[in-house]
N, C-alpha and C. Protein backbone atom coordinates (compact mmCIF):
# COMPACT_ATOMS: atom_id res chain seq x y z
N UNK A 1 79.11 102.64 109.87
CA UNK A 1 79.09 102.53 108.17
C UNK A 1 79.83 101.13 107.63
N UNK A 2 79.26 100.51 106.91
CA UNK A 2 79.77 99.59 105.79
C UNK A 2 81.38 99.96 105.61
N UNK A 3 81.85 98.58 105.37
CA UNK A 3 83.19 98.53 105.09
C UNK A 3 83.51 98.72 103.55
N UNK A 4 82.87 98.66 102.50
CA UNK A 4 82.99 99.09 101.28
C UNK A 4 83.03 100.59 101.32
N UNK A 5 81.94 101.12 101.99
CA UNK A 5 81.67 102.82 101.53
C UNK A 5 83.03 103.29 102.33
N UNK A 6 83.59 102.71 103.58
CA UNK A 6 84.85 102.86 104.28
C UNK A 6 86.34 103.05 103.78
N UNK A 7 86.16 102.11 102.77
CA UNK A 7 87.13 101.13 101.91
C UNK A 7 87.58 102.43 100.92
N UNK A 8 86.48 102.52 100.39
CA UNK A 8 86.32 103.87 99.70
C UNK A 8 86.77 105.40 99.94
N UNK A 9 85.87 105.44 100.87
CA UNK A 9 86.29 107.19 101.90
C UNK A 9 87.98 106.95 101.88
N UNK A 10 88.58 106.17 102.38
CA UNK A 10 89.51 106.01 103.11
C UNK A 10 90.78 106.19 101.28
N UNK A 11 90.51 105.01 100.74
CA UNK A 11 90.97 105.40 99.31
C UNK A 11 91.41 106.71 98.73
N UNK A 12 89.86 107.34 98.81
CA UNK A 12 90.06 108.45 98.06
C UNK A 12 90.59 109.70 99.00
N UNK A 13 90.84 109.66 100.01
CA UNK A 13 91.46 110.45 100.89
C UNK A 13 93.01 110.43 100.78
N UNK A 14 93.17 109.07 100.43
CA UNK A 14 94.93 109.03 100.37
C UNK A 14 95.17 109.30 98.42
N UNK A 15 94.17 109.38 98.04
CA UNK A 15 94.28 109.82 96.11
C UNK A 15 95.09 108.31 95.82
N UNK A 16 94.48 107.40 96.18
CA UNK A 16 94.63 106.17 95.73
C UNK A 16 93.29 106.08 94.05
N UNK A 17 93.49 105.03 93.48
CA UNK A 17 92.90 104.57 92.25
C UNK A 17 92.13 103.18 92.82
N UNK A 18 91.07 103.01 92.54
CA UNK A 18 90.97 101.34 92.30
C UNK A 18 91.77 100.57 92.04
N UNK A 19 92.40 101.06 91.00
CA UNK A 19 93.69 100.18 90.42
C UNK A 19 94.81 99.91 91.35
N UNK A 20 95.30 101.21 91.91
CA UNK A 20 96.23 101.07 92.99
C UNK A 20 95.76 99.92 94.08
N UNK A 21 94.82 100.32 94.58
CA UNK A 21 94.16 99.40 95.63
C UNK A 21 94.19 97.97 95.52
N UNK A 22 93.38 97.45 94.10
CA UNK A 22 93.11 96.26 94.12
C UNK A 22 94.35 95.67 93.61
N UNK A 23 95.50 96.03 93.36
CA UNK A 23 96.41 95.55 92.48
C UNK A 23 97.32 94.14 93.44
N UNK A 24 97.07 93.12 92.69
CA UNK A 24 97.48 91.73 93.29
C UNK A 24 96.31 91.36 94.00
N UNK A 25 95.49 91.75 94.36
CA UNK A 25 94.51 91.17 95.76
C UNK A 25 93.40 91.25 94.74
N UNK A 26 92.45 91.90 94.74
CA UNK A 26 91.36 91.65 93.85
C UNK A 26 91.28 92.60 92.21
N UNK A 27 90.12 92.20 91.05
CA UNK A 27 90.07 92.81 90.29
C UNK A 27 89.11 94.26 90.80
N UNK A 28 89.80 95.51 89.65
CA UNK A 28 89.11 96.49 89.76
C UNK A 28 87.44 96.37 90.11
N UNK A 29 86.82 95.44 89.12
CA UNK A 29 85.34 95.73 89.16
C UNK A 29 85.13 94.93 90.39
N UNK A 30 86.13 94.03 91.07
CA UNK A 30 85.28 93.50 92.30
C UNK A 30 85.47 94.37 93.06
N UNK A 31 86.66 95.27 93.38
CA UNK A 31 86.86 96.43 94.62
C UNK A 31 85.54 97.34 94.65
N UNK A 32 85.24 97.84 92.91
CA UNK A 32 84.01 98.18 92.51
C UNK A 32 82.77 97.92 93.69
N UNK A 33 82.39 96.81 93.08
CA UNK A 33 81.34 96.38 93.68
C UNK A 33 81.45 95.99 95.18
N UNK A 34 82.27 95.89 96.06
CA UNK A 34 82.42 96.03 97.05
C UNK A 34 82.33 97.67 97.89
N UNK A 35 82.98 98.18 97.16
CA UNK A 35 83.01 99.60 97.45
C UNK A 35 81.63 100.37 97.59
N UNK A 36 80.95 99.74 96.59
CA UNK A 36 79.55 100.40 96.41
C UNK A 36 78.41 99.46 96.62
N UNK A 37 78.72 98.58 97.72
CA UNK A 37 77.92 97.44 98.32
C UNK A 37 77.21 96.55 97.33
N UNK A 38 77.60 96.69 96.28
CA UNK A 38 76.95 95.43 95.34
C UNK A 38 77.17 93.81 95.43
N UNK A 39 77.92 93.76 96.49
CA UNK A 39 78.19 92.31 95.99
C UNK A 39 77.91 91.60 98.31
N UNK A 40 77.78 90.86 98.86
CA UNK A 40 77.97 90.53 99.68
C UNK A 40 78.76 89.30 100.11
N UNK A 41 79.35 89.11 99.41
CA UNK A 41 80.77 88.17 99.12
C UNK A 41 81.68 88.71 99.51
N UNK A 42 82.51 88.06 100.52
CA UNK A 42 83.60 88.42 101.32
C UNK A 42 84.78 88.34 100.39
N UNK A 43 86.04 89.52 100.60
CA UNK A 43 87.24 89.10 99.94
C UNK A 43 88.07 87.62 100.91
N UNK A 44 88.65 87.16 99.65
CA UNK A 44 89.39 85.88 100.55
C UNK A 44 90.48 86.40 101.42
N UNK A 45 90.25 85.93 102.72
CA UNK A 45 90.77 86.42 103.79
C UNK A 45 92.21 86.44 103.49
N UNK A 46 92.72 85.38 102.61
CA UNK A 46 94.38 85.94 102.58
C UNK A 46 94.82 86.75 101.88
N UNK A 47 93.86 87.28 100.74
CA UNK A 47 94.47 88.45 99.97
C UNK A 47 93.82 89.78 100.79
N UNK A 48 92.63 89.88 101.09
CA UNK A 48 91.81 90.97 102.43
C UNK A 48 92.95 91.44 103.32
N UNK A 49 93.66 90.51 103.53
CA UNK A 49 94.82 90.90 104.80
C UNK A 49 96.04 91.52 104.20
N UNK A 50 96.06 91.92 103.06
CA UNK A 50 97.39 92.88 102.69
C UNK A 50 96.54 94.21 102.98
N UNK A 51 96.20 94.68 103.01
CA UNK A 51 95.39 96.06 103.15
C UNK A 51 94.55 96.08 104.51
N UNK A 52 94.48 96.92 105.21
CA UNK A 52 93.54 96.91 106.27
C UNK A 52 93.35 98.90 106.28
N UNK A 53 91.89 98.92 106.93
CA UNK A 53 91.65 100.34 107.25
C UNK A 53 92.15 101.04 108.56
N UNK A 54 93.40 101.88 108.70
CA UNK A 54 93.98 102.41 110.17
C UNK A 54 92.82 103.77 110.43
N UNK A 55 92.01 103.21 111.32
CA UNK A 55 90.89 104.54 111.41
C UNK A 55 91.58 105.57 112.16
N UNK A 56 92.71 105.14 113.20
CA UNK A 56 93.06 106.30 113.68
C UNK A 56 93.94 107.28 113.16
N UNK A 57 94.35 106.91 111.95
CA UNK A 57 94.87 107.55 111.10
C UNK A 57 94.19 108.07 109.98
N UNK A 58 92.82 107.44 109.90
CA UNK A 58 92.38 107.53 108.67
C UNK A 58 93.45 107.53 107.34
N UNK A 59 93.59 106.23 107.46
CA UNK A 59 94.48 105.40 106.35
C UNK A 59 94.33 104.21 105.70
N UNK A 60 94.34 103.79 104.58
CA UNK A 60 94.60 102.21 104.28
C UNK A 60 96.39 102.06 104.22
N UNK A 61 96.27 100.86 104.89
CA UNK A 61 97.64 100.61 105.07
C UNK A 61 98.04 99.46 104.29
N UNK A 62 99.21 99.24 103.78
CA UNK A 62 99.16 97.99 102.95
C UNK A 62 100.64 97.16 103.94
N UNK A 63 99.95 95.98 104.09
CA UNK A 63 101.11 95.16 105.21
C UNK A 63 102.27 94.57 104.58
N UNK A 64 102.89 94.38 105.01
CA UNK A 64 104.00 93.43 104.49
C UNK A 64 104.58 92.21 104.66
N UNK A 65 104.88 91.22 103.93
CA UNK A 65 105.05 89.99 104.48
C UNK A 65 106.46 90.12 105.05
N UNK A 66 106.60 89.36 106.28
CA UNK A 66 108.04 89.04 106.80
C UNK A 66 108.67 87.58 106.31
């Protein structure tokens, strides 16, 4: 499975909106394009590292900076 649909699947499983997930990382419209595979352009590494898909728990986890 491509990363966009995987992000969407886990976002929905956690009852998160695109606004919730995109906050401070990317715009909602850009997240929508990623989820719907309308862009091939990757998110900036620094920003995309704030969230990661934790497949073992089927969840999106927000990383905190130390």
